[in-house]
């Protein structure tokens, strides 16, 4: 049996429309895409954010941070407190040392007349034929002086020194030929120092 295929008759208008559509698709493929590259968008966003950050940093740099002033004030207070504490500790140490050095000041001052009496006794025995007594008195005198030295007591060297009212007590004046005025020419009673400070002024005769 023979089958005869009937030709499909196509509408000329449909063919024209299909041709135009194909041409439009071809032109669209030929034109470059106008879509925005995501990498470029990311770079633009980053540049925008960086600009905003720079503006914020510039604004913060132009305005002083109140915390900096507070930190500076607290630092100065700490330094002043440390300096005050160091001064207090130094004064306390000095006062303690002075207390130890001068705690026996009154006792040592009361012993000075005993030294004076030993000096007078030794002078009185110079013309007496009592060598053993003189030797015994001199030995006790030396021991007493050694004990006084251990506690910081020293004898003033006043003869020939310029008169110093803080160390000397002038009870007599005498004009001596060839002697400069204002000099100690004789010690009538010995003066003593305690750790370099006057324990008892010396009674002296001064040249005029």
N, C-alpha and C. Protein backbone atom coordinates (compact mmCIF):
# COMPACT_ATOMS: atom_id res chain seq x y z
N UNK A 1 0.87 -1.16 0.00
CA UNK A 1 0.00 0.00 0.00
C UNK A 1 0.89 1.19 0.00
N UNK A 2 0.67 2.19 -0.75
CA UNK A 2 1.50 3.39 -0.87
C UNK A 2 0.88 4.48 -0.03
N UNK A 3 1.79 5.09 0.88
CA UNK A 3 1.33 6.23 1.68
C UNK A 3 1.86 7.50 1.05
N UNK A 4 1.00 8.43 0.91
CA UNK A 4 1.39 9.70 0.29
C UNK A 4 1.44 10.74 1.39
N UNK A 5 2.63 11.31 1.65
CA UNK A 5 2.79 12.37 2.68
C UNK A 5 2.30 13.67 2.14
N UNK A 6 1.39 14.18 2.95
CA UNK A 6 0.86 15.48 2.54
C UNK A 6 1.81 16.58 2.98
N UNK A 7 2.10 17.46 2.11
CA UNK A 7 2.97 18.61 2.45
C UNK A 7 2.23 19.55 3.37
N UNK A 8 2.94 19.94 4.40
CA UNK A 8 2.37 20.90 5.36
C UNK A 8 2.56 22.28 4.81
N UNK A 9 1.50 22.93 4.69
CA UNK A 9 1.56 24.29 4.15
C UNK A 9 1.85 25.24 5.30
N UNK A 10 2.97 25.98 5.29
CA UNK A 10 3.40 26.90 6.36
C UNK A 10 2.94 28.30 6.03
N UNK A 11 2.53 29.00 7.11
CA UNK A 11 2.10 30.39 6.97
C UNK A 11 3.32 31.26 6.77
N UNK A 12 3.30 32.11 5.72
CA UNK A 12 4.47 32.98 5.48
C UNK A 12 4.74 33.93 6.62
N UNK A 13 3.71 34.38 7.34
CA UNK A 13 3.89 35.32 8.46
C UNK A 13 4.66 34.66 9.60
N UNK A 14 4.36 33.42 9.87
CA UNK A 14 5.06 32.71 10.96
C UNK A 14 6.53 32.54 10.61
N UNK A 15 6.82 32.26 9.37
CA UNK A 15 8.21 32.11 8.98
C UNK A 15 8.97 33.41 9.15
N UNK A 16 8.34 34.53 8.82
CA UNK A 16 8.99 35.85 8.94
C UNK A 16 9.25 36.16 10.41
N UNK A 17 8.27 35.85 11.25
CA UNK A 17 8.45 36.14 12.70
C UNK A 17 9.57 35.29 13.28
N UNK A 18 9.65 34.03 12.88
CA UNK A 18 10.71 33.16 13.38
C UNK A 18 12.07 33.64 12.94
N UNK A 19 12.16 34.15 11.71
CA UNK A 19 13.44 34.66 11.20
C UNK A 19 13.89 35.87 12.00
N UNK A 20 12.94 36.75 12.30
CA UNK A 20 13.30 37.96 13.09
C UNK A 20 13.75 37.57 14.49
N UNK A 21 13.08 36.60 15.04
CA UNK A 21 13.47 36.16 16.39
C UNK A 21 14.87 35.57 16.40
N UNK A 22 15.19 34.81 15.39
CA UNK A 22 16.53 34.23 15.30
C UNK A 22 17.58 35.29 15.13
N UNK A 23 17.27 36.30 14.31
CA UNK A 23 18.22 37.39 14.13
C UNK A 23 18.44 38.14 15.44
N UNK A 24 17.34 38.37 16.18
CA UNK A 24 17.48 39.08 17.45
C UNK A 24 18.34 38.30 18.43
N UNK A 25 18.14 36.95 18.45
CA UNK A 25 18.98 36.13 19.34
C UNK A 25 20.43 36.17 18.94
N UNK A 26 20.67 36.19 17.61
CA UNK A 26 22.06 36.26 17.14
C UNK A 26 22.70 37.56 17.52
N UNK A 27 21.93 38.64 17.37
CA UNK A 27 22.49 39.95 17.74
C UNK A 27 22.76 40.02 19.23
N UNK A 28 21.86 39.43 20.03
CA UNK A 28 22.10 39.44 21.49
C UNK A 28 23.34 38.70 21.87
N UNK A 29 23.60 37.58 21.18
CA UNK A 29 24.82 36.83 21.48
C UNK A 29 26.04 37.58 21.05
N UNK A 30 25.91 38.37 19.95
CA UNK A 30 27.07 39.10 19.44
C UNK A 30 27.42 40.28 20.30
N UNK A 31 26.38 40.93 20.93
CA UNK A 31 26.68 42.11 21.76
C UNK A 31 27.34 41.68 23.06
N UNK A 32 28.27 42.52 23.59
CA UNK A 32 28.91 42.16 24.87
C UNK A 32 27.90 42.27 25.99
N UNK A 33 28.09 41.45 26.97
CA UNK A 33 27.16 41.42 28.10
C UNK A 33 27.30 42.69 28.93
N UNK A 34 26.20 43.24 29.36
CA UNK A 34 26.21 44.44 30.20
C UNK A 34 26.13 44.10 31.68
N UNK A 35 26.20 42.80 32.01
CA UNK A 35 26.14 42.42 33.43
C UNK A 35 27.39 42.92 34.15
N UNK A 36 27.25 43.31 35.48
CA UNK A 36 28.36 43.82 36.29
C UNK A 36 29.15 42.66 36.86
N UNK A 37 30.46 42.77 36.74
CA UNK A 37 31.35 41.73 37.25
C UNK A 37 31.27 41.71 38.78
N UNK A 38 31.05 40.56 39.43
CA UNK A 38 30.99 40.51 40.90
C UNK A 38 32.27 40.97 41.56
N UNK A 39 33.44 40.70 40.97
CA UNK A 39 34.71 41.15 41.56
C UNK A 39 34.79 42.66 41.61
N UNK A 40 34.32 43.28 40.50
CA UNK A 40 34.32 44.75 40.48
C UNK A 40 33.38 45.30 41.53
N UNK A 41 32.23 44.66 41.71
CA UNK A 41 31.30 45.11 42.75
C UNK A 41 31.93 44.99 44.12
N UNK A 42 32.66 43.89 44.38
CA UNK A 42 33.30 43.71 45.68
C UNK A 42 34.35 44.78 45.92
N UNK A 43 35.15 45.10 44.85
CA UNK A 43 36.17 46.14 45.00
C UNK A 43 35.53 47.48 45.30
N UNK A 44 34.42 47.78 44.63
CA UNK A 44 33.75 49.06 44.89
C UNK A 44 33.23 49.11 46.32
N UNK A 45 32.67 47.98 46.80
CA UNK A 45 32.17 47.96 48.17
C UNK A 45 33.30 48.15 49.16
N UNK A 46 34.47 47.47 48.90
CA UNK A 46 35.60 47.61 49.82
C UNK A 46 36.12 49.03 49.85
N UNK A 47 36.24 49.65 48.66
CA UNK A 47 36.72 51.04 48.60
C UNK A 47 35.77 51.97 49.32
N UNK A 48 34.50 51.70 49.22
CA UNK A 48 33.50 52.53 49.90
C UNK A 48 33.63 52.40 51.42
N UNK A 49 33.77 51.11 51.88
CA UNK A 49 33.93 50.90 53.31
C UNK A 49 35.23 51.49 53.82
N UNK A 50 36.32 51.37 53.03
CA UNK A 50 37.60 51.96 53.45
C UNK A 50 37.49 53.47 53.56
N UNK A 51 36.78 54.07 52.65
CA UNK A 51 36.60 55.52 52.72
C UNK A 51 35.83 55.92 53.97
N UNK A 52 34.78 55.12 54.29
CA UNK A 52 34.04 55.43 55.51
C UNK A 52 34.90 55.26 56.75
N UNK A 53 35.74 54.18 56.77
CA UNK A 53 36.62 53.96 57.92
C UNK A 53 37.63 55.09 58.06
N UNK A 54 38.19 55.54 56.95
CA UNK A 54 39.16 56.64 57.00
C UNK A 54 38.51 57.90 57.53
N UNK A 55 37.27 58.15 57.10
CA UNK A 55 36.58 59.34 57.60
C UNK A 55 36.33 59.23 59.10
N UNK A 56 35.95 58.02 59.56
CA UNK A 56 35.72 57.84 60.99
C UNK A 56 37.01 58.00 61.78
N UNK A 57 38.13 57.42 61.26
CA UNK A 57 39.41 57.57 61.96
C UNK A 57 39.85 59.02 62.00
N UNK A 58 39.65 59.72 60.92
CA UNK A 58 40.02 61.14 60.90
C UNK A 58 39.21 61.92 61.91
N UNK A 59 37.92 61.59 62.02
CA UNK A 59 37.08 62.30 62.98
C UNK A 59 37.52 62.00 64.41
N UNK A 60 37.87 60.68 64.67
CA UNK A 60 38.31 60.33 66.02
C UNK A 60 39.67 60.93 66.35
N UNK A 61 40.54 61.05 65.35
CA UNK A 61 41.86 61.64 65.60
C UNK A 61 41.75 63.12 65.89
N UNK A 62 40.83 63.78 65.30
CA UNK A 62 40.69 65.22 65.52
C UNK A 62 40.11 65.53 66.90
N UNK A 63 39.36 64.60 67.49
CA UNK A 63 38.78 64.80 68.80
C UNK A 63 39.61 64.06 69.84
N UNK A 64 40.14 64.75 70.92
CA UNK A 64 40.95 64.08 71.94
C UNK A 64 40.12 63.10 72.75
N UNK A 65 40.74 61.99 73.07
CA UNK A 65 40.07 60.96 73.85
C UNK A 65 40.14 61.34 75.33
N UNK A 66 39.01 61.49 76.02
CA UNK A 66 39.06 61.88 77.44
C UNK A 66 39.77 60.85 78.30
N UNK A 67 39.85 59.62 77.83
CA UNK A 67 40.55 58.61 78.62
C UNK A 67 42.05 58.86 78.69
N UNK A 68 42.62 59.50 77.65
CA UNK A 68 44.05 59.82 77.69
C UNK A 68 44.35 60.81 78.82
N UNK A 69 43.50 61.83 78.97
CA UNK A 69 43.71 62.80 80.04
C UNK A 69 43.58 62.14 81.41
N UNK A 70 42.64 61.22 81.53
CA UNK A 70 42.47 60.52 82.80
C UNK A 70 43.67 59.65 83.11
N UNK A 71 44.21 58.97 82.10
CA UNK A 71 45.40 58.14 82.30
C UNK A 71 46.59 59.00 82.73
N UNK A 72 46.77 60.16 82.09
CA UNK A 72 47.87 61.05 82.44
C UNK A 72 47.73 61.55 83.87
N UNK A 73 46.52 61.90 84.27
CA UNK A 73 46.29 62.39 85.63
C UNK A 73 46.58 61.30 86.65
N UNK A 74 46.14 60.09 86.39
CA UNK A 74 46.41 58.98 87.32
C UNK A 74 47.90 58.66 87.39
N UNK A 75 48.59 58.78 86.25
CA UNK A 75 50.03 58.54 86.25
C UNK A 75 50.77 59.56 87.10
N UNK A 76 50.38 60.85 86.98
CA UNK A 76 51.01 61.89 87.79
C UNK A 76 50.72 61.67 89.28
N UNK A 77 49.50 61.27 89.60
CA UNK A 77 49.18 60.99 90.99
C UNK A 77 50.02 59.84 91.54
N UNK A 78 50.23 58.82 90.73
CA UNK A 78 51.05 57.69 91.15
C UNK A 78 52.49 58.12 91.40
N UNK A 79 53.04 58.96 90.50
CA UNK A 79 54.42 59.42 90.67
C UNK A 79 54.55 60.28 91.92
N UNK A 80 53.57 61.16 92.17
CA UNK A 80 53.63 61.99 93.38
C UNK A 80 53.52 61.13 94.64
N UNK A 81 52.66 60.14 94.60
CA UNK A 81 52.52 59.26 95.77
C UNK A 81 53.80 58.49 96.03
N UNK A 82 54.43 58.01 94.96
CA UNK A 82 55.70 57.29 95.14
C UNK A 82 56.78 58.20 95.71
N UNK A 83 56.86 59.45 95.21
CA UNK A 83 57.86 60.39 95.72
C UNK A 83 57.60 60.71 97.19
N UNK A 84 56.33 60.91 97.56
CA UNK A 84 56.01 61.18 98.96
C UNK A 84 56.38 60.00 99.84
N UNK A 85 56.12 58.80 99.36
CA UNK A 85 56.45 57.62 100.16
C UNK A 85 57.97 57.47 100.32
N UNK A 86 58.73 57.74 99.24
CA UNK A 86 60.19 57.67 99.34
C UNK A 86 60.72 58.69 100.34
N UNK A 87 60.16 59.91 100.32
CA UNK A 87 60.59 60.93 101.27
C UNK A 87 60.24 60.53 102.70
N UNK A 88 59.05 59.98 102.87
CA UNK A 88 58.64 59.53 104.21
C UNK A 88 59.55 58.43 104.71
N UNK A 89 59.86 57.48 103.85
CA UNK A 89 60.74 56.38 104.26
C UNK A 89 62.14 56.89 104.61
N UNK A 90 62.65 57.87 103.82
CA UNK A 90 63.97 58.41 104.12
C UNK A 90 63.97 59.18 105.45
N UNK A 91 62.92 59.99 105.67
CA UNK A 91 62.85 60.72 106.94
C UNK A 91 62.73 59.77 108.12
N UNK A 92 61.95 58.72 107.95
CA UNK A 92 61.79 57.75 109.04
C UNK A 92 63.12 57.07 109.36
N UNK A 93 63.88 56.71 108.33
CA UNK A 93 65.16 56.07 108.55
C UNK A 93 66.13 57.02 109.26
N UNK A 94 66.15 58.30 108.83
CA UNK A 94 67.03 59.27 109.47
C UNK A 94 66.65 59.49 110.93
N UNK A 95 65.34 59.60 111.18
CA UNK A 95 64.90 59.80 112.56
C UNK A 95 65.25 58.61 113.44
N UNK A 96 65.13 57.40 112.88
CA UNK A 96 65.48 56.21 113.65
C UNK A 96 66.98 56.18 113.96
N UNK A 97 67.78 56.53 112.95
CA UNK A 97 69.23 56.56 113.19
C UNK A 97 69.60 57.61 114.22
N UNK A 98 68.99 58.79 114.13
CA UNK A 98 69.27 59.84 115.11
C UNK A 98 68.81 59.42 116.51
N UNK A 99 67.68 58.73 116.56
CA UNK A 99 67.20 58.28 117.86
C UNK A 99 68.18 57.31 118.50
N UNK A 100 68.72 56.40 117.68
CA UNK A 100 69.69 55.45 118.21
C UNK A 100 70.97 56.17 118.64
N UNK A 101 71.41 57.14 117.84
CA UNK A 101 72.66 57.84 118.14
C UNK A 101 72.56 58.74 119.36
N UNK A 102 71.41 59.40 119.52
CA UNK A 102 71.29 60.40 120.58
C UNK A 102 70.40 59.96 121.73
N UNK A 103 70.06 58.66 121.76
CA UNK A 103 69.23 58.17 122.87
C UNK A 103 69.95 58.30 124.21
N UNK A 104 71.28 58.20 124.19
CA UNK A 104 72.08 58.25 125.42
C UNK A 104 72.69 59.64 125.64
N UNK A 105 72.16 60.64 124.95
CA UNK A 105 72.76 61.97 125.02
C UNK A 105 72.79 62.51 126.45
N UNK A 106 71.68 62.40 127.16
CA UNK A 106 71.63 62.95 128.53
C UNK A 106 72.59 62.20 129.46
N UNK A 107 72.62 60.88 129.32
CA UNK A 107 73.54 60.10 130.17
C UNK A 107 74.98 60.48 129.90
N UNK A 108 75.35 60.61 128.63
CA UNK A 108 76.72 60.96 128.30
C UNK A 108 77.05 62.37 128.77
N UNK A 109 76.10 63.28 128.67
CA UNK A 109 76.34 64.63 129.16
C UNK A 109 76.54 64.64 130.68
N UNK A 110 75.82 63.77 131.38
CA UNK A 110 75.98 63.70 132.84
C UNK A 110 77.32 63.09 133.23
N UNK A 111 77.94 62.31 132.32
CA UNK A 111 79.24 61.72 132.63
C UNK A 111 80.40 62.67 132.38
N UNK A 112 80.15 63.77 131.69
CA UNK A 112 81.25 64.70 131.38
C UNK A 112 81.86 65.33 132.64
N UNK A 113 81.10 65.69 133.66
CA UNK A 113 81.74 66.20 134.89
C UNK A 113 82.65 65.15 135.54
N UNK A 114 82.33 63.87 135.35
CA UNK A 114 83.21 62.83 135.89
C UNK A 114 84.55 62.87 135.16
N UNK A 115 84.51 63.05 133.86
CA UNK A 115 85.76 63.21 133.10
C UNK A 115 86.53 64.43 133.58
N UNK A 116 85.83 65.51 133.83
CA UNK A 116 86.50 66.72 134.30
C UNK A 116 87.20 66.46 135.64
N UNK A 117 86.55 65.73 136.51
CA UNK A 117 87.15 65.44 137.82
C UNK A 117 88.37 64.54 137.68
N UNK A 118 88.31 63.60 136.72
CA UNK A 118 89.49 62.77 136.48
C UNK A 118 90.65 63.63 135.97
N UNK A 119 90.36 64.58 135.11
CA UNK A 119 91.42 65.47 134.61
C UNK A 119 92.03 66.26 135.76
N UNK A 120 91.21 66.76 136.66
CA UNK A 120 91.71 67.55 137.80
C UNK A 120 92.53 66.66 138.74
N UNK A 121 92.07 65.42 138.91
CA UNK A 121 92.80 64.53 139.81
C UNK A 121 94.18 64.20 139.24
N UNK A 122 94.26 63.98 137.94
CA UNK A 122 95.55 63.68 137.32
C UNK A 122 96.48 64.87 137.42
N UNK A 123 95.95 66.08 137.22
CA UNK A 123 96.78 67.27 137.35
C UNK A 123 97.26 67.46 138.79
N UNK A 124 96.40 67.15 139.74
CA UNK A 124 96.77 67.32 141.15
C UNK A 124 97.85 66.33 141.58
N UNK A 125 97.90 65.17 140.93
CA UNK A 125 98.87 64.15 141.31
C UNK A 125 100.21 64.32 140.62
N UNK A 126 100.34 65.33 139.79
CA UNK A 126 101.61 65.52 139.10
C UNK A 126 102.75 65.86 140.06
N UNK A 127 102.46 66.54 141.11
CA UNK A 127 103.52 66.89 142.06
C UNK A 127 103.58 65.99 143.26
N UNK A 128 102.79 64.92 143.24
CA UNK A 128 102.73 64.02 144.39
C UNK A 128 103.47 62.72 144.03
N UNK A 129 104.22 62.22 145.03
CA UNK A 129 104.98 60.99 144.79
C UNK A 129 104.10 59.79 145.11
N UNK A 130 103.11 59.60 144.30
CA UNK A 130 102.21 58.45 144.43
C UNK A 130 102.00 57.84 143.05
N UNK A 131 103.01 57.15 142.55
CA UNK A 131 102.92 56.65 141.18
C UNK A 131 101.81 55.62 140.98
N UNK A 132 101.59 54.76 142.00
CA UNK A 132 100.56 53.75 141.84
C UNK A 132 99.16 54.37 141.78
N UNK A 133 98.91 55.35 142.67
CA UNK A 133 97.62 56.02 142.65
C UNK A 133 97.40 56.75 141.34
N UNK A 134 98.43 57.45 140.90
CA UNK A 134 98.32 58.16 139.63
C UNK A 134 98.08 57.20 138.48
N UNK A 135 98.76 56.06 138.49
CA UNK A 135 98.60 55.08 137.43
C UNK A 135 97.18 54.51 137.43
N UNK A 136 96.64 54.25 138.60
CA UNK A 136 95.28 53.71 138.70
C UNK A 136 94.24 54.71 138.20
N UNK A 137 94.41 55.96 138.57
CA UNK A 137 93.47 56.99 138.13
C UNK A 137 93.54 57.18 136.63
N UNK A 138 94.74 57.18 136.09
CA UNK A 138 94.89 57.33 134.64
C UNK A 138 94.27 56.15 133.89
N UNK A 139 94.38 54.95 134.44
CA UNK A 139 93.82 53.78 133.78
C UNK A 139 92.28 53.88 133.74
N UNK A 140 91.66 54.25 134.85
CA UNK A 140 90.21 54.40 134.88
C UNK A 140 89.78 55.54 133.95
N UNK A 141 90.57 56.58 133.90
CA UNK A 141 90.27 57.71 133.02
C UNK A 141 90.27 57.27 131.56
N UNK A 142 91.27 56.47 131.19
CA UNK A 142 91.35 55.99 129.80
C UNK A 142 90.16 55.08 129.47
N UNK A 143 89.80 54.21 130.39
CA UNK A 143 88.66 53.33 130.15
C UNK A 143 87.37 54.13 129.96
N UNK A 144 87.20 55.15 130.75
CA UNK A 144 86.00 55.97 130.62
C UNK A 144 85.98 56.70 129.28
N UNK A 145 87.12 57.19 128.86
CA UNK A 145 87.20 57.86 127.55
C UNK A 145 86.89 56.89 126.42
N UNK A 146 87.40 55.66 126.52
CA UNK A 146 87.12 54.66 125.49
C UNK A 146 85.63 54.35 125.39
N UNK A 147 84.97 54.24 126.53
CA UNK A 147 83.53 54.00 126.52
C UNK A 147 82.80 55.18 125.88
N UNK A 148 83.21 56.38 126.18
CA UNK A 148 82.59 57.57 125.59
C UNK A 148 82.79 57.59 124.07
N UNK A 149 83.98 57.18 123.64
CA UNK A 149 84.24 57.13 122.20
C UNK A 149 83.34 56.11 121.50
N UNK A 150 83.10 54.99 122.17
CA UNK A 150 82.23 53.98 121.59
C UNK A 150 80.82 54.52 121.34
N UNK A 151 80.40 55.46 122.13
CA UNK A 151 79.07 56.06 121.96
C UNK A 151 79.10 57.35 121.15
N UNK A 152 80.24 57.65 120.52
CA UNK A 152 80.32 58.79 119.61
C UNK A 152 80.74 60.10 120.23
N UNK A 153 81.29 60.07 121.43
CA UNK A 153 81.70 61.29 122.10
C UNK A 153 83.18 61.55 121.79
N UNK A 154 83.48 62.75 121.31
CA UNK A 154 84.86 63.15 121.01
C UNK A 154 85.12 64.52 121.61
N UNK A 155 86.38 64.75 121.92
CA UNK A 155 86.79 66.02 122.53
C UNK A 155 87.03 67.06 121.45
N UNK A 156 86.61 68.29 121.70
CA UNK A 156 86.85 69.39 120.77
C UNK A 156 88.32 69.78 120.79
N UNK A 157 88.81 70.13 119.61
CA UNK A 157 90.17 70.69 119.48
C UNK A 157 90.00 72.18 119.30
N UNK A 158 90.00 72.91 120.41
CA UNK A 158 89.60 74.31 120.38
C UNK A 158 90.77 75.28 120.37
N UNK A 159 91.89 74.95 120.95
CA UNK A 159 92.99 75.90 121.08
C UNK A 159 93.52 76.28 119.71
N UNK A 160 93.58 77.60 119.45
CA UNK A 160 94.07 78.13 118.17
C UNK A 160 93.00 78.22 117.10
N UNK A 161 91.81 77.69 117.37
CA UNK A 161 90.73 77.74 116.37
C UNK A 161 90.01 79.08 116.46
N UNK A 162 89.41 79.54 115.37
CA UNK A 162 88.60 80.76 115.43
C UNK A 162 87.44 80.58 116.39
N UNK A 163 87.10 81.64 117.10
CA UNK A 163 85.99 81.56 118.05
C UNK A 163 84.69 81.29 117.30
N UNK A 164 83.97 80.26 117.74
CA UNK A 164 82.70 79.87 117.13
C UNK A 164 81.66 79.82 118.25
N UNK A 165 80.72 80.77 118.26
CA UNK A 165 79.74 80.80 119.36
C UNK A 165 78.87 79.54 119.44
N UNK A 166 78.78 78.79 118.33
CA UNK A 166 77.98 77.57 118.37
C UNK A 166 78.73 76.43 119.07
N UNK A 167 80.07 76.56 119.24
CA UNK A 167 80.86 75.51 119.88
C UNK A 167 81.61 76.01 121.11
N UNK A 168 81.81 77.30 121.18
CA UNK A 168 82.63 77.85 122.27
C UNK A 168 81.80 78.81 123.12
N UNK A 169 82.15 78.82 124.39
CA UNK A 169 81.56 79.77 125.34
C UNK A 169 82.69 80.63 125.90
N UNK A 170 82.75 81.89 125.44
CA UNK A 170 83.84 82.77 125.85
C UNK A 170 83.55 83.31 127.24
N UNK A 171 84.42 82.99 128.19
CA UNK A 171 84.26 83.47 129.56
C UNK A 171 85.33 84.50 129.92
N UNK A 172 86.39 84.58 129.10
CA UNK A 172 87.47 85.54 129.34
C UNK A 172 88.00 86.03 128.00
N UNK A 173 88.53 87.25 128.04
CA UNK A 173 89.19 87.84 126.87
C UNK A 173 90.54 88.35 127.29
N UNK A 174 91.49 88.27 126.39
CA UNK A 174 92.84 88.70 126.71
C UNK A 174 93.52 89.16 125.43
N UNK A 175 94.25 90.27 125.55
CA UNK A 175 95.00 90.78 124.41
C UNK A 175 96.39 90.18 124.44
N UNK A 176 96.70 89.48 123.36
CA UNK A 176 97.97 88.79 123.27
C UNK A 176 98.74 89.36 122.08
N UNK A 177 99.98 89.75 122.35
CA UNK A 177 100.79 90.34 121.29
C UNK A 177 101.11 89.30 120.22
N UNK A 178 100.90 89.68 118.98
CA UNK A 178 101.17 88.80 117.86
C UNK A 178 100.07 87.77 117.61
N UNK A 179 98.99 87.83 118.38
CA UNK A 179 97.90 86.86 118.22
C UNK A 179 96.73 87.54 117.49
N UNK A 180 96.21 86.90 116.50
CA UNK A 180 95.08 87.42 115.75
C UNK A 180 93.85 87.49 116.65
N UNK A 181 93.11 88.58 116.63
CA UNK A 181 91.90 88.67 117.46
C UNK A 181 90.87 87.63 117.06
N UNK A 182 90.07 87.22 118.05
CA UNK A 182 89.01 86.26 117.78
C UNK A 182 89.47 84.82 117.74
N UNK A 183 90.62 84.55 118.32
CA UNK A 183 91.14 83.18 118.38
C UNK A 183 91.07 82.66 119.81
N UNK A 184 90.85 81.34 119.92
CA UNK A 184 90.83 80.69 121.23
C UNK A 184 92.28 80.49 121.67
N UNK A 185 92.63 81.10 122.80
CA UNK A 185 94.01 81.00 123.27
C UNK A 185 94.16 80.06 124.46
N UNK A 186 93.03 79.72 125.10
CA UNK A 186 93.10 78.80 126.24
C UNK A 186 91.72 78.16 126.45
N UNK A 187 91.73 76.88 126.84
CA UNK A 187 90.49 76.16 127.15
C UNK A 187 90.41 76.00 128.66
N UNK A 188 89.35 76.55 129.24
CA UNK A 188 89.14 76.47 130.68
C UNK A 188 88.32 75.24 131.07
N UNK A 189 87.47 74.81 130.18
CA UNK A 189 86.73 73.57 130.37
C UNK A 189 86.53 72.92 129.01
N UNK A 190 86.86 71.65 128.89
CA UNK A 190 86.82 70.96 127.61
C UNK A 190 85.39 70.89 127.06
N UNK A 191 85.33 71.00 125.75
CA UNK A 191 84.06 70.80 125.07
C UNK A 191 84.04 69.45 124.36
N UNK A 192 82.84 68.92 124.19
CA UNK A 192 82.71 67.59 123.60
C UNK A 192 81.63 67.59 122.51
N UNK A 193 81.84 66.70 121.53
CA UNK A 193 80.89 66.51 120.43
C UNK A 193 80.31 65.12 120.52
N UNK A 194 79.04 64.99 120.14
CA UNK A 194 78.38 63.69 120.05
C UNK A 194 77.95 63.47 118.61
N UNK A 195 78.66 62.57 117.93
CA UNK A 195 78.42 62.31 116.51
C UNK A 195 78.49 63.60 115.68
N UNK A 196 79.48 64.42 116.02
CA UNK A 196 79.70 65.65 115.27
C UNK A 196 78.86 66.83 115.71
N UNK A 197 77.93 66.62 116.63
CA UNK A 197 77.11 67.72 117.15
C UNK A 197 77.53 68.06 118.57
N UNK A 198 77.33 69.32 118.92
CA UNK A 198 77.82 69.80 120.22
C UNK A 198 77.07 69.11 121.35
N UNK A 199 77.83 68.42 122.18
CA UNK A 199 77.28 67.84 123.40
C UNK A 199 77.43 68.82 124.56
N UNK A 200 78.59 69.46 124.61
CA UNK A 200 78.82 70.53 125.59
C UNK A 200 79.81 71.51 125.01
N UNK A 201 79.47 72.80 124.97
CA UNK A 201 80.43 73.79 124.42
C UNK A 201 81.64 73.93 125.33
N UNK A 202 82.73 74.33 124.74
CA UNK A 202 83.97 74.52 125.50
C UNK A 202 84.00 75.93 126.09
N UNK A 203 84.43 76.00 127.34
CA UNK A 203 84.62 77.31 127.98
C UNK A 203 86.04 77.76 127.69
N UNK A 204 86.16 78.92 127.01
CA UNK A 204 87.46 79.31 126.47
C UNK A 204 87.77 80.76 126.79
N UNK A 205 89.07 81.07 126.61
CA UNK A 205 89.57 82.43 126.66
C UNK A 205 89.90 82.85 125.23
N UNK A 206 89.44 84.05 124.83
CA UNK A 206 89.53 84.48 123.45
C UNK A 206 90.44 85.71 123.37
N UNK A 207 91.25 85.76 122.31
CA UNK A 207 92.14 86.91 122.09
C UNK A 207 91.34 88.06 121.50
N UNK A 208 91.81 89.31 121.88
CA UNK A 208 91.16 90.52 121.36
C UNK A 208 92.20 91.42 120.72
